[in-house]
Structure formats: structure tokens, C-alpha cells
Amino acid sequence: MTQDATQATTFGDSTLRGYLDQLAAKVPAPGGGAVAALHAAQGAALVAMVARYTTRAKDAENRPVIDRIIEAADTARERSLALADADAAAFTAVGKAYKLPKDTDEQLAARKQAITESLLNAARVPAAVVAEADEIISLANELLPIGNPNVVTDIGAAADAARSAAASSQLNIAINVASLDAGAGAEFAPVLKQIEEIMARADALHTDVVSAITTA
């Protein structure tokens, strides 16, 4: 969460109730950006869980792939948790930039630069969340054909969590880019396009999981 006087606990160290209380409070952060990062963290955790349930004797042939998926998913979870903290800090920085003095030309110029830099950073954090969502979908797709069928629904849940991470990040990128000059916001065009692809892949994976359940 934010590293200010009201909250010095990271998301990784917070209790679930503490996080939800802070999310529901009338404070600038955490907000939707942190939620997006935590969607990604949950998706990664679900992938890792299914992979760990796919370490039976009958899964020995796929063990190298499973071990790689576990390691990648665990790493993605940690990165996503860190991004939740980064998003809360970035949003707080935007608010501080808008509160800078603007009484002189020098102050106006410094304030404008600070706002631009803080908005760029605030958009880059959800862009990084999108990259995590993309990897989680890839891992889930790789896991589906070989994962333990008893927990196959959790692969679908992982895809849904990753989709939510990407979709929420789309909103957070868009709102920050809308306040930037067109040139400054151009770097996010590929990410916004990637989000559409991620959501389509997640929907397809969800459908594949439903099919796996109904045809089992």
C-alpha cells in the first residue's frame, strides 16, 4: 500500500481485511490500479497451485515443464505484488504533483514537468501489470493440456483473473494518458493493443476450460 503516515504496510504484508478496509476508505490509494496488480498476483498463484497439483507419479513425463511453470508463476506473483505497491505510490505522486505551487512562471514550469513525469510513471505501472497478465495467460494455456484435471477450473479462474488485471489496467493507462500530450502518451499505444489480445486469449481459455469440464 502507500508508504505514507496512514499506511506503511506493503500489500504482501497486509491482512486481507486490512487491505479491503483501506480500499474502501476515502483515501487516494489503493485504488483500481492496485486491484489490477492483485488480480494478476491471484492469477499467478492459481497457476502455481494447479502446477503443484500436477506433480504426481503419473505426471513425471511433464515434470520439467511443470517445474518451470511453478517457478515462473511464483515469480510473476511476487512481481505483481510489488506492482500493487508501486501503483499506490505512483498515484500518490500524481496527487502531490498537482498540489505543487503555481504562482510564478518557474513554479508553473516545474509543476507541469512534475505532473507529466508522474502521469507517465502512473501509466507505466499498469503497463507492467499488463505484461504480467500476458505471461499468466501464456502459462495457463501451457498448463491446461497437462494439468491435473481435478483442478482444471482453477486454470480458468487464473485466466479470468489475468483478464481482469489487463482490463482494469486498460482503464488506468487510459485515464493517465488522457492527461498527457499526444506525443508523451504514444508509448502506450502498443500496450493498449496488447490488452485487447490478452482479453481475447483469456476468453478463449475460459471457453476451453468449460469444454474440458463438460466433455470429461
C-alpha atoms as a PDB file:
ATOM      1  CA  MET A   1       0.000   0.000   0.000  1.00  0.00           C
ATOM      2  CA  THR A   2       1.102   3.621   0.268  1.00  0.00           C
ATOM      3  CA  GLN A   3       4.232   4.448   2.154  1.00  0.00           C
ATOM      4  CA  ASP A   4       2.765   7.493   3.962  1.00  0.00           C
ATOM      5  CA  ALA A   5       1.722   8.172   7.515  1.00  0.00           C
ATOM      6  CA  THR A   6      -1.610   6.426   7.118  1.00  0.00           C
ATOM      7  CA  GLN A   7      -0.306   3.149   5.723  1.00  0.00           C
ATOM      8  CA  ALA A   8       3.240   1.818   5.847  1.00  0.00           C
ATOM      9  CA  THR A   9       2.433  -1.846   5.217  1.00  0.00           C
ATOM     10  CA  THR A  10       3.077  -3.399   1.817  1.00  0.00           C
ATOM     11  CA  PHE A  11       0.349  -5.374   0.133  1.00  0.00           C
ATOM     12  CA  GLY A  12       2.328  -8.548   0.695  1.00  0.00           C
ATOM     13  CA  ASP A  13       2.374  -7.943   4.443  1.00  0.00           C
ATOM     14  CA  SER A  14      -1.184  -6.646   4.820  1.00  0.00           C
ATOM     15  CA  THR A  15      -4.047  -8.775   6.069  1.00  0.00           C
ATOM     16  CA  LEU A  16      -6.929  -9.275   3.672  1.00  0.00           C
ATOM     17  CA  ARG A  17      -9.279  -7.331   5.942  1.00  0.00           C
ATOM     18  CA  GLY A  18      -6.744  -4.546   6.328  1.00  0.00           C
ATOM     19  CA  TYR A  19      -6.385  -4.272   2.558  1.00  0.00           C
ATOM     20  CA  LEU A  20     -10.137  -4.218   1.990  1.00  0.00           C
ATOM     21  CA  ASP A  21     -10.643  -1.629   4.728  1.00  0.00           C
ATOM     22  CA  GLN A  22      -8.020   0.592   3.095  1.00  0.00           C
ATOM     23  CA  LEU A  23      -9.520   0.020  -0.358  1.00  0.00           C
ATOM     24  CA  ALA A  24     -12.964   1.024   0.902  1.00  0.00           C
ATOM     25  CA  ALA A  25     -11.680   4.103   2.728  1.00  0.00           C
ATOM     26  CA  LYS A  26     -11.837   7.652   1.413  1.00  0.00           C
ATOM     27  CA  VAL A  27      -8.125   7.795   0.614  1.00  0.00           C
ATOM     28  CA  PRO A  28      -6.355   8.315  -2.743  1.00  0.00           C
ATOM     29  CA  ALA A  29      -4.700   4.909  -2.761  1.00  0.00           C
ATOM     30  CA  PRO A  30      -5.014   1.966  -3.032  1.00  0.00           C
ATOM     31  CA  GLY A  31      -7.471   2.023  -5.899  1.00  0.00           C
ATOM     32  CA  GLY A  32      -8.190   0.293  -9.168  1.00  0.00           C
ATOM     33  CA  GLY A  33      -4.563   0.111 -10.222  1.00  0.00           C
ATOM     34  CA  ALA A  34      -3.546  -1.818  -7.139  1.00  0.00           C
ATOM     35  CA  VAL A  35      -6.583  -4.060  -7.589  1.00  0.00           C
ATOM     36  CA  ALA A  36      -5.431  -4.830 -11.139  1.00  0.00           C
ATOM     37  CA  ALA A  37      -1.988  -5.846  -9.897  1.00  0.00           C
ATOM     38  CA  LEU A  38      -3.534  -8.067  -7.234  1.00  0.00           C
ATOM     39  CA  HIS A  39      -5.758  -9.693  -9.868  1.00  0.00           C
ATOM     40  CA  ALA A  40      -2.526 -10.633 -11.646  1.00  0.00           C
ATOM     41  CA  ALA A  41      -0.991 -11.906  -8.413  1.00  0.00           C
ATOM     42  CA  GLN A  42      -4.020 -14.117  -7.784  1.00  0.00           C
ATOM     43  CA  GLY A  43      -3.940 -15.437 -11.330  1.00  0.00           C
ATOM     44  CA  ALA A  44      -0.271 -16.326 -10.965  1.00  0.00           C
ATOM     45  CA  ALA A  45      -0.943 -18.014  -7.629  1.00  0.00           C
ATOM     46  CA  LEU A  46      -3.708 -20.134  -9.155  1.00  0.00           C
ATOM     47  CA  VAL A  47      -1.427 -21.254 -11.982  1.00  0.00           C
ATOM     48  CA  ALA A  48       1.238 -22.218  -9.454  1.00  0.00           C
ATOM     49  CA  MET A  49      -1.311 -24.120  -7.365  1.00  0.00           C
ATOM     50  CA  VAL A  50      -2.568 -26.174 -10.315  1.00  0.00           C
ATOM     51  CA  ALA A  51       1.013 -26.884 -11.351  1.00  0.00           C
ATOM     52  CA  ARG A  52       1.868 -28.091  -7.851  1.00  0.00           C
ATOM     53  CA  TYR A  53      -1.105 -30.452  -8.011  1.00  0.00           C
ATOM     54  CA  THR A  54       0.419 -31.817 -11.225  1.00  0.00           C
ATOM     55  CA  THR A  55       3.443 -33.415  -9.603  1.00  0.00           C
ATOM     56  CA  ARG A  56       2.001 -36.924  -9.222  1.00  0.00           C
ATOM     57  CA  ALA A  57       3.878 -40.021 -10.331  1.00  0.00           C
ATOM     58  CA  LYS A  58       1.753 -40.129 -13.482  1.00  0.00           C
ATOM     59  CA  ASP A  59       2.929 -36.586 -14.323  1.00  0.00           C
ATOM     60  CA  ALA A  60       6.633 -37.486 -14.346  1.00  0.00           C
ATOM     61  CA  GLU A  61       6.930 -37.045 -18.120  1.00  0.00           C
ATOM     62  CA  ASN A  62       5.846 -33.413 -17.825  1.00  0.00           C
ATOM     63  CA  ARG A  63       7.737 -32.616 -14.625  1.00  0.00           C
ATOM     64  CA  PRO A  64      10.384 -30.346 -16.263  1.00  0.00           C
ATOM     65  CA  VAL A  65       7.636 -28.215 -17.794  1.00  0.00           C
ATOM     66  CA  ILE A  66       5.631 -28.198 -14.577  1.00  0.00           C
ATOM     67  CA  ASP A  67       8.651 -27.143 -12.528  1.00  0.00           C
ATOM     68  CA  ARG A  68       9.323 -24.298 -14.951  1.00  0.00           C
ATOM     69  CA  ILE A  69       5.693 -23.153 -14.769  1.00  0.00           C
ATOM     70  CA  ILE A  70       5.775 -23.202 -10.963  1.00  0.00           C
ATOM     71  CA  GLU A  71       8.917 -21.083 -10.872  1.00  0.00           C
ATOM     72  CA  ALA A  72       7.587 -18.633 -13.468  1.00  0.00           C
ATOM     73  CA  ALA A  73       4.203 -18.307 -11.763  1.00  0.00           C
ATOM     74  CA  ASP A  74       5.750 -17.761  -8.332  1.00  0.00           C
ATOM     75  CA  THR A  75       7.993 -15.065  -9.764  1.00  0.00           C
ATOM     76  CA  ALA A  76       5.078 -13.392 -11.545  1.00  0.00           C
ATOM     77  CA  ARG A  77       3.139 -13.372  -8.275  1.00  0.00           C
ATOM     78  CA  GLU A  78       5.951 -11.564  -6.475  1.00  0.00           C
ATOM     79  CA  ARG A  79       6.349  -9.041  -9.283  1.00  0.00           C
ATOM     80  CA  SER A  80       2.613  -8.383  -9.299  1.00  0.00           C
ATOM     81  CA  LEU A  81       2.581  -7.805  -5.546  1.00  0.00           C
ATOM     82  CA  ALA A  82       5.393  -5.289  -5.972  1.00  0.00           C
ATOM     83  CA  LEU A  83       3.434  -3.565  -8.735  1.00  0.00           C
ATOM     84  CA  ALA A  84       0.460  -3.140  -6.396  1.00  0.00           C
ATOM     85  CA  ASP A  85       2.723  -1.189  -4.051  1.00  0.00           C
ATOM     86  CA  ALA A  86       4.233   0.720  -6.980  1.00  0.00           C
ATOM     87  CA  ASP A  87       0.801   1.697  -8.273  1.00  0.00           C
ATOM     88  CA  ALA A  88      -0.309   3.079  -4.929  1.00  0.00           C
ATOM     89  CA  ALA A  89       2.917   5.097  -4.685  1.00  0.00           C
ATOM     90  CA  ALA A  90       2.590   6.341  -8.281  1.00  0.00           C
ATOM     91  CA  PHE A  91      -0.990   7.512  -7.742  1.00  0.00           C
ATOM     92  CA  THR A  92       0.046   9.348  -4.583  1.00  0.00           C
ATOM     93  CA  ALA A  93       2.842  11.048  -6.530  1.00  0.00           C
ATOM     94  CA  VAL A  94       0.357  12.314  -9.136  1.00  0.00           C
ATOM     95  CA  GLY A  95      -1.713  13.937  -6.429  1.00  0.00           C
ATOM     96  CA  LYS A  96       1.352  15.608  -4.937  1.00  0.00           C
ATOM     97  CA  ALA A  97       2.399  16.940  -8.353  1.00  0.00           C
ATOM     98  CA  TYR A  98      -0.962  18.622  -8.885  1.00  0.00           C
ATOM     99  CA  LYS A  99      -0.628  20.317  -5.478  1.00  0.00           C
ATOM    100  CA  LEU A 100       2.696  21.972  -6.326  1.00  0.00           C
ATOM    101  CA  PRO A 101       2.687  25.801  -6.263  1.00  0.00           C
ATOM    102  CA  LYS A 102       1.973  27.685  -9.478  1.00  0.00           C
ATOM    103  CA  ASP A 103       2.391  31.307  -8.526  1.00  0.00           C
ATOM    104  CA  THR A 104       5.353  32.059 -10.801  1.00  0.00           C
ATOM    105  CA  ASP A 105       6.389  31.038 -14.294  1.00  0.00           C
ATOM    106  CA  GLU A 106       9.170  28.912 -12.825  1.00  0.00           C
ATOM    107  CA  GLN A 107       6.752  27.169 -10.484  1.00  0.00           C
ATOM    108  CA  LEU A 108       4.301  26.612 -13.326  1.00  0.00           C
ATOM    109  CA  ALA A 109       7.026  25.013 -15.465  1.00  0.00           C
ATOM    110  CA  ALA A 110       8.238  22.819 -12.611  1.00  0.00           C
ATOM    111  CA  ARG A 111       4.682  21.792 -11.780  1.00  0.00           C
ATOM    112  CA  LYS A 112       3.936  20.910 -15.405  1.00  0.00           C
ATOM    113  CA  GLN A 113       7.062  18.788 -15.656  1.00  0.00           C
ATOM    114  CA  ALA A 114       6.303  17.036 -12.367  1.00  0.00           C
ATOM    115  CA  ILE A 115       2.736  16.302 -13.471  1.00  0.00           C
ATOM    116  CA  THR A 116       3.897  14.869 -16.806  1.00  0.00           C
ATOM    117  CA  GLU A 117       6.531  12.665 -15.173  1.00  0.00           C
ATOM    118  CA  SER A 118       4.146  11.424 -12.501  1.00  0.00           C
ATOM    119  CA  LEU A 119       1.423  10.647 -15.051  1.00  0.00           C
ATOM    120  CA  LEU A 120       3.894   8.750 -17.223  1.00  0.00           C
ATOM    121  CA  ASN A 121       5.014   6.700 -14.242  1.00  0.00           C
ATOM    122  CA  ALA A 122       1.408   6.148 -13.192  1.00  0.00           C
ATOM    123  CA  ALA A 123       0.679   4.744 -16.664  1.00  0.00           C
ATOM    124  CA  ARG A 124       3.842   2.648 -16.799  1.00  0.00           C
ATOM    125  CA  VAL A 125       2.919   0.708 -13.679  1.00  0.00           C
ATOM    126  CA  PRO A 126      -0.342  -0.712 -15.111  1.00  0.00           C
ATOM    127  CA  ALA A 127       1.517  -1.303 -18.387  1.00  0.00           C
ATOM    128  CA  ALA A 128       3.833  -3.562 -16.399  1.00  0.00           C
ATOM    129  CA  VAL A 129       0.778  -5.289 -14.923  1.00  0.00           C
ATOM    130  CA  VAL A 130      -0.370  -5.990 -18.480  1.00  0.00           C
ATOM    131  CA  ALA A 131       2.920  -7.778 -19.127  1.00  0.00           C
ATOM    132  CA  GLU A 132       2.304  -9.946 -16.062  1.00  0.00           C
ATOM    133  CA  ALA A 133      -1.222 -10.731 -17.242  1.00  0.00           C
ATOM    134  CA  ASP A 134       0.143 -11.732 -20.627  1.00  0.00           C
ATOM    135  CA  GLU A 135       2.604 -14.162 -19.062  1.00  0.00           C
ATOM    136  CA  ILE A 136      -0.032 -15.642 -16.759  1.00  0.00           C
ATOM    137  CA  ILE A 137      -2.317 -16.370 -19.709  1.00  0.00           C
ATOM    138  CA  SER A 138       0.597 -17.993 -21.546  1.00  0.00           C
ATOM    139  CA  LEU A 139       1.447 -20.169 -18.546  1.00  0.00           C
ATOM    140  CA  ALA A 140      -2.198 -21.132 -18.057  1.00  0.00           C
ATOM    141  CA  ASN A 141      -2.529 -22.108 -21.722  1.00  0.00           C
ATOM    142  CA  GLU A 142       0.599 -24.229 -21.476  1.00  0.00           C
ATOM    143  CA  LEU A 143      -0.665 -25.878 -18.303  1.00  0.00           C
ATOM    144  CA  LEU A 144      -4.190 -26.720 -19.475  1.00  0.00           C
ATOM    145  CA  PRO A 145      -3.355 -29.812 -21.592  1.00  0.00           C
ATOM    146  CA  ILE A 146      -1.123 -31.356 -18.925  1.00  0.00           C
ATOM    147  CA  GLY A 147      -2.537 -30.009 -15.662  1.00  0.00           C
ATOM    148  CA  ASN A 148      -4.254 -32.168 -13.071  1.00  0.00           C
ATOM    149  CA  PRO A 149      -7.873 -32.385 -14.336  1.00  0.00           C
ATOM    150  CA  ASN A 150      -9.197 -32.339 -10.778  1.00  0.00           C
ATOM    151  CA  VAL A 151      -8.262 -28.653 -10.525  1.00  0.00           C
ATOM    152  CA  VAL A 152      -8.768 -27.620 -14.144  1.00  0.00           C
ATOM    153  CA  THR A 153     -11.361 -24.997 -13.157  1.00  0.00           C
ATOM    154  CA  ASP A 154      -8.611 -23.091 -11.375  1.00  0.00           C
ATOM    155  CA  ILE A 155      -6.835 -22.664 -14.702  1.00  0.00           C
ATOM    156  CA  GLY A 156      -9.968 -20.943 -15.946  1.00  0.00           C
ATOM    157  CA  ALA A 157     -10.085 -18.832 -12.806  1.00  0.00           C
ATOM    158  CA  ALA A 158      -6.449 -17.860 -13.383  1.00  0.00           C
ATOM    159  CA  ALA A 159      -7.307 -16.768 -16.909  1.00  0.00           C
ATOM    160  CA  ASP A 160     -10.239 -14.733 -15.617  1.00  0.00           C
ATOM    161  CA  ALA A 161      -8.025 -13.054 -13.004  1.00  0.00           C
ATOM    162  CA  ALA A 162      -5.412 -12.207 -15.626  1.00  0.00           C
ATOM    163  CA  ARG A 163      -8.125 -10.823 -17.893  1.00  0.00           C
ATOM    164  CA  SER A 164      -9.386  -8.613 -15.091  1.00  0.00           C
ATOM    165  CA  ALA A 165      -5.833  -7.425 -14.462  1.00  0.00           C
ATOM    166  CA  ALA A 166      -5.464  -6.421 -18.108  1.00  0.00           C
ATOM    167  CA  ALA A 167      -8.908  -4.847 -18.391  1.00  0.00           C
ATOM    168  CA  SER A 168      -8.500  -2.781 -15.232  1.00  0.00           C
ATOM    169  CA  SER A 169      -5.015  -1.740 -16.340  1.00  0.00           C
ATOM    170  CA  GLN A 170      -6.515  -0.549 -19.618  1.00  0.00           C
ATOM    171  CA  LEU A 171      -8.664   1.910 -17.663  1.00  0.00           C
ATOM    172  CA  ASN A 172      -5.757   3.140 -15.569  1.00  0.00           C
ATOM    173  CA  ILE A 173      -3.477   3.624 -18.554  1.00  0.00           C
ATOM    174  CA  ALA A 174      -6.211   5.444 -20.459  1.00  0.00           C
ATOM    175  CA  ILE A 175      -7.018   7.920 -17.686  1.00  0.00           C
ATOM    176  CA  ASN A 176      -3.361   8.853 -17.233  1.00  0.00           C
ATOM    177  CA  VAL A 177      -2.634   9.069 -20.964  1.00  0.00           C
ATOM    178  CA  ALA A 178      -5.697  11.299 -21.436  1.00  0.00           C
ATOM    179  CA  SER A 179      -3.976  13.980 -19.364  1.00  0.00           C
ATOM    180  CA  LEU A 180      -0.716  13.778 -21.326  1.00  0.00           C
ATOM    181  CA  ASP A 181       0.321  15.409 -24.569  1.00  0.00           C
ATOM    182  CA  ALA A 182      -0.289  13.119 -27.539  1.00  0.00           C
ATOM    183  CA  GLY A 183       3.421  12.593 -28.070  1.00  0.00           C
ATOM    184  CA  ALA A 184       4.057  11.660 -24.465  1.00  0.00           C
ATOM    185  CA  GLY A 185       1.267   9.115 -24.429  1.00  0.00           C
ATOM    186  CA  ALA A 186       2.229   7.445 -27.708  1.00  0.00           C
ATOM    187  CA  GLU A 187       4.436   4.886 -25.961  1.00  0.00           C
ATOM    188  CA  PHE A 188       1.343   3.193 -24.548  1.00  0.00           C
ATOM    189  CA  ALA A 189      -0.388   2.502 -27.874  1.00  0.00           C
ATOM    190  CA  PRO A 190       1.207  -0.977 -28.252  1.00  0.00           C
ATOM    191  CA  VAL A 191       0.210  -1.877 -24.686  1.00  0.00           C
ATOM    192  CA  LEU A 192      -3.393  -0.828 -25.244  1.00  0.00           C
ATOM    193  CA  LYS A 193      -3.481  -3.023 -28.357  1.00  0.00           C
ATOM    194  CA  GLN A 194      -1.910  -5.904 -26.420  1.00  0.00           C
ATOM    195  CA  ILE A 195      -4.666  -5.665 -23.817  1.00  0.00           C
ATOM    196  CA  GLU A 196      -7.315  -6.449 -26.414  1.00  0.00           C
ATOM    197  CA  GLU A 197      -5.349  -9.546 -27.439  1.00  0.00           C
ATOM    198  CA  ILE A 198      -4.923 -10.665 -23.823  1.00  0.00           C
ATOM    199  CA  MET A 199      -8.634 -10.389 -23.128  1.00  0.00           C
ATOM    200  CA  ALA A 200      -9.428 -12.411 -26.246  1.00  0.00           C
ATOM    201  CA  ARG A 201      -6.931 -15.114 -25.241  1.00  0.00           C
ATOM    202  CA  ALA A 202      -8.340 -15.219 -21.727  1.00  0.00           C
ATOM    203  CA  ASP A 203     -11.890 -15.598 -23.033  1.00  0.00           C
ATOM    204  CA  ALA A 204     -10.782 -18.420 -25.321  1.00  0.00           C
ATOM    205  CA  LEU A 205      -9.019 -20.189 -22.457  1.00  0.00           C
ATOM    206  CA  HIS A 206     -12.101 -19.847 -20.267  1.00  0.00           C
ATOM    207  CA  THR A 207     -14.122 -21.474 -23.044  1.00  0.00           C
ATOM    208  CA  ASP A 208     -11.559 -24.272 -23.363  1.00  0.00           C
ATOM    209  CA  VAL A 209     -11.787 -24.972 -19.631  1.00  0.00           C
ATOM    210  CA  VAL A 210     -15.581 -25.097 -19.772  1.00  0.00           C
ATOM    211  CA  SER A 211     -15.279 -27.530 -22.674  1.00  0.00           C
ATOM    212  CA  ALA A 212     -12.810 -29.672 -20.730  1.00  0.00           C
ATOM    213  CA  ILE A 213     -15.277 -29.880 -17.842  1.00  0.00           C
ATOM    214  CA  THR A 214     -18.346 -30.691 -19.903  1.00  0.00           C
ATOM    215  CA  THR A 215     -16.638 -33.301 -22.060  1.00  0.00           C
ATOM    216  CA  ALA A 216     -14.787 -35.060 -19.244  1.00  0.00           C
END
